[in-house]
Every structure is written in structure tokens, then in C-alpha cells.
N, C-alpha and C. Protein backbone atom coordinates (compact mmCIF):
# COMPACT_ATOMS: atom_id res chain seq x y z
N MET A 1 -16.97 17.12 4.39
CA MET A 1 -16.10 16.62 5.44
C MET A 1 -14.72 17.24 5.27
N GLU A 2 -14.20 17.81 6.31
CA GLU A 2 -12.88 18.42 6.28
C GLU A 2 -11.81 17.39 6.64
N VAL A 3 -10.80 17.29 5.80
CA VAL A 3 -9.72 16.35 6.05
C VAL A 3 -8.65 17.04 6.89
N ALA A 4 -8.36 16.49 8.05
CA ALA A 4 -7.40 17.10 8.96
C ALA A 4 -5.96 16.76 8.60
N ILE A 5 -5.74 15.68 7.87
CA ILE A 5 -4.40 15.24 7.52
C ILE A 5 -4.25 15.21 6.01
N ASP A 6 -3.16 15.78 5.54
CA ASP A 6 -2.88 15.78 4.10
C ASP A 6 -2.38 14.40 3.70
N PRO A 7 -3.10 13.69 2.85
CA PRO A 7 -2.68 12.34 2.47
C PRO A 7 -1.37 12.31 1.69
N ASN A 8 -0.96 13.45 1.14
CA ASN A 8 0.28 13.50 0.38
C ASN A 8 1.52 13.20 1.23
N ILE A 9 1.40 13.28 2.55
CA ILE A 9 2.55 12.97 3.40
C ILE A 9 2.94 11.49 3.32
N PHE A 10 2.04 10.67 2.76
CA PHE A 10 2.32 9.24 2.63
C PHE A 10 3.01 8.89 1.31
N LEU A 11 2.94 9.78 0.34
CA LEU A 11 3.49 9.49 -0.98
C LEU A 11 5.00 9.30 -0.93
N GLY A 12 5.46 8.23 -1.58
CA GLY A 12 6.89 7.94 -1.64
C GLY A 12 7.41 7.10 -0.49
N LEU A 13 6.57 6.85 0.52
CA LEU A 13 6.99 6.04 1.65
C LEU A 13 6.87 4.55 1.32
N THR A 14 7.65 3.73 2.00
CA THR A 14 7.50 2.28 1.89
C THR A 14 6.25 1.86 2.65
N LYS A 15 5.85 0.62 2.47
CA LYS A 15 4.69 0.09 3.18
C LYS A 15 4.88 0.22 4.68
N ARG A 16 6.00 -0.22 5.19
CA ARG A 16 6.27 -0.18 6.64
C ARG A 16 6.25 1.25 7.16
N ARG A 17 6.91 2.16 6.46
CA ARG A 17 6.96 3.57 6.91
C ARG A 17 5.58 4.21 6.85
N SER A 18 4.79 3.86 5.84
CA SER A 18 3.44 4.42 5.75
C SER A 18 2.54 3.86 6.86
N GLN A 19 2.74 2.59 7.20
CA GLN A 19 1.99 2.00 8.32
C GLN A 19 2.38 2.67 9.63
N ASP A 20 3.67 2.88 9.83
CA ASP A 20 4.14 3.55 11.05
C ASP A 20 3.59 4.97 11.15
N LEU A 21 3.58 5.69 10.02
CA LEU A 21 3.06 7.05 10.02
C LEU A 21 1.57 7.07 10.32
N SER A 22 0.82 6.14 9.75
CA SER A 22 -0.62 6.10 10.02
C SER A 22 -0.87 5.83 11.50
N GLU A 23 -0.07 4.96 12.09
CA GLU A 23 -0.21 4.69 13.53
C GLU A 23 0.12 5.94 14.35
N ALA A 24 1.17 6.63 13.97
CA ALA A 24 1.56 7.85 14.69
C ALA A 24 0.49 8.94 14.59
N LYS A 25 -0.24 8.95 13.49
CA LYS A 25 -1.30 9.94 13.27
C LYS A 25 -2.67 9.43 13.73
N ASN A 26 -2.70 8.24 14.35
CA ASN A 26 -3.95 7.62 14.83
C ASN A 26 -4.95 7.40 13.71
N LEU A 27 -4.45 6.90 12.57
CA LEU A 27 -5.31 6.59 11.44
C LEU A 27 -5.42 5.08 11.25
N VAL A 28 -6.58 4.66 10.78
CA VAL A 28 -6.77 3.28 10.36
C VAL A 28 -6.06 3.13 9.02
N TYR A 29 -5.27 2.08 8.85
CA TYR A 29 -4.50 1.86 7.63
C TYR A 29 -5.22 0.84 6.76
N ARG A 30 -5.49 1.20 5.52
CA ARG A 30 -6.17 0.29 4.61
C ARG A 30 -5.34 0.15 3.34
N LEU A 31 -4.87 -1.05 3.10
CA LEU A 31 -4.07 -1.34 1.93
C LEU A 31 -5.02 -1.69 0.78
N VAL A 32 -5.06 -0.85 -0.23
CA VAL A 32 -5.97 -1.03 -1.35
C VAL A 32 -5.36 -1.97 -2.38
N ARG A 33 -4.10 -1.71 -2.75
CA ARG A 33 -3.47 -2.51 -3.80
C ARG A 33 -1.95 -2.41 -3.70
N ILE A 34 -1.27 -3.52 -4.01
CA ILE A 34 0.18 -3.52 -4.20
C ILE A 34 0.43 -4.01 -5.62
N ASP A 35 1.05 -3.15 -6.42
CA ASP A 35 1.28 -3.42 -7.83
C ASP A 35 -0.04 -3.87 -8.46
N ASP A 36 -0.12 -5.08 -8.98
CA ASP A 36 -1.35 -5.54 -9.62
C ASP A 36 -2.21 -6.41 -8.72
N GLU A 37 -1.82 -6.56 -7.47
CA GLU A 37 -2.58 -7.42 -6.54
C GLU A 37 -3.53 -6.58 -5.69
N GLU A 38 -4.82 -6.82 -5.88
CA GLU A 38 -5.84 -6.12 -5.09
C GLU A 38 -5.88 -6.68 -3.67
N PHE A 39 -6.05 -5.79 -2.72
CA PHE A 39 -6.23 -6.22 -1.33
C PHE A 39 -7.64 -5.89 -0.90
N LEU A 40 -7.82 -4.89 -0.10
CA LEU A 40 -9.14 -4.59 0.45
C LEU A 40 -10.00 -3.71 -0.45
N GLY A 41 -9.42 -3.02 -1.40
CA GLY A 41 -10.18 -2.10 -2.22
C GLY A 41 -10.59 -0.87 -1.43
N TYR A 42 -11.25 0.05 -2.13
CA TYR A 42 -11.70 1.27 -1.46
C TYR A 42 -13.01 0.99 -0.74
N PRO A 43 -13.17 1.53 0.45
CA PRO A 43 -14.38 1.28 1.23
C PRO A 43 -15.58 2.06 0.70
N GLU A 44 -16.75 1.59 1.04
CA GLU A 44 -18.00 2.26 0.66
C GLU A 44 -18.28 3.47 1.55
N ASP A 45 -17.91 3.37 2.82
CA ASP A 45 -18.20 4.45 3.75
C ASP A 45 -17.06 5.46 3.78
N MET A 46 -17.35 6.65 4.26
CA MET A 46 -16.35 7.72 4.36
C MET A 46 -16.03 7.98 5.83
N ARG A 47 -14.74 8.06 6.10
CA ARG A 47 -14.27 8.37 7.45
C ARG A 47 -13.11 9.35 7.33
N ASP A 48 -12.89 10.12 8.36
CA ASP A 48 -11.75 11.04 8.32
C ASP A 48 -10.57 10.53 9.13
N ASP A 49 -10.65 9.26 9.54
CA ASP A 49 -9.55 8.68 10.33
C ASP A 49 -9.00 7.40 9.68
N ARG A 50 -9.13 7.31 8.35
CA ARG A 50 -8.64 6.12 7.65
C ARG A 50 -7.85 6.58 6.43
N VAL A 51 -6.66 6.02 6.27
CA VAL A 51 -5.86 6.29 5.07
C VAL A 51 -5.88 5.03 4.20
N CYS A 52 -6.18 5.23 2.92
CA CYS A 52 -6.19 4.14 1.95
C CYS A 52 -4.99 4.35 1.02
N VAL A 53 -4.18 3.31 0.88
CA VAL A 53 -2.95 3.47 0.09
C VAL A 53 -2.86 2.45 -1.03
N VAL A 54 -2.22 2.89 -2.12
CA VAL A 54 -1.87 2.05 -3.26
C VAL A 54 -0.35 2.08 -3.36
N ILE A 55 0.25 0.90 -3.38
CA ILE A 55 1.71 0.79 -3.42
C ILE A 55 2.12 0.21 -4.78
N GLU A 56 3.07 0.87 -5.40
CA GLU A 56 3.62 0.40 -6.66
C GLU A 56 5.14 0.46 -6.57
N ASN A 57 5.79 -0.61 -6.98
CA ASN A 57 7.25 -0.69 -6.96
C ASN A 57 7.82 -0.36 -5.58
N GLY A 58 7.12 -0.79 -4.54
CA GLY A 58 7.63 -0.67 -3.18
C GLY A 58 7.35 0.63 -2.46
N VAL A 59 6.69 1.60 -3.12
CA VAL A 59 6.40 2.87 -2.46
C VAL A 59 4.93 3.26 -2.66
N VAL A 60 4.44 4.08 -1.76
CA VAL A 60 3.06 4.57 -1.84
C VAL A 60 2.97 5.56 -3.01
N MET A 61 2.09 5.24 -3.95
CA MET A 61 1.87 6.10 -5.12
C MET A 61 0.56 6.87 -5.02
N GLU A 62 -0.39 6.34 -4.25
CA GLU A 62 -1.67 7.02 -4.04
C GLU A 62 -2.04 6.87 -2.57
N ALA A 63 -2.59 7.93 -2.02
CA ALA A 63 -3.09 7.88 -0.64
C ALA A 63 -4.27 8.82 -0.53
N THR A 64 -5.33 8.32 0.09
CA THR A 64 -6.52 9.14 0.31
C THR A 64 -6.99 8.93 1.73
N ILE A 65 -7.54 9.98 2.29
CA ILE A 65 -8.17 9.89 3.60
C ILE A 65 -9.65 9.69 3.33
N GLN A 66 -10.16 8.55 3.76
CA GLN A 66 -11.60 8.28 3.58
C GLN A 66 -12.06 7.17 4.47
């Protein structure tokens, strides 16, 4: 599967800014974890229109398109 969007564009953004960017790029936003609090986790299925993010200390530290 070819990823059309580089997930690194989300790194360093706040939660709100990363959500806004995902909306602007027409991506489904999935919050995996904030600091030590798990949210939705990583999905079992693979998609090229969903960004999964991990936020630590108020900024996105990990982002994957899946």
C-alpha cells in the first residue's frame, strides 16, 4: 500500500493542530495514546486515509498512516 501523505507532518503539533491538519487532508483521526493514558489503540485493519497519533507532553510524538 502506498502512503500518499507523510505522517511526519504531524510530529510536534498539538492535539488540536494535528486534528485540524487531519481534517484538512481528509484523514480519519485516531488518538492512540496521550502520555500514559491509552485511548483507541492501533487498529487491526489498514487504511490509507487514517492517521494514528501518540501525544506526549502536549505534542504529537508518533504518527502513522494506517
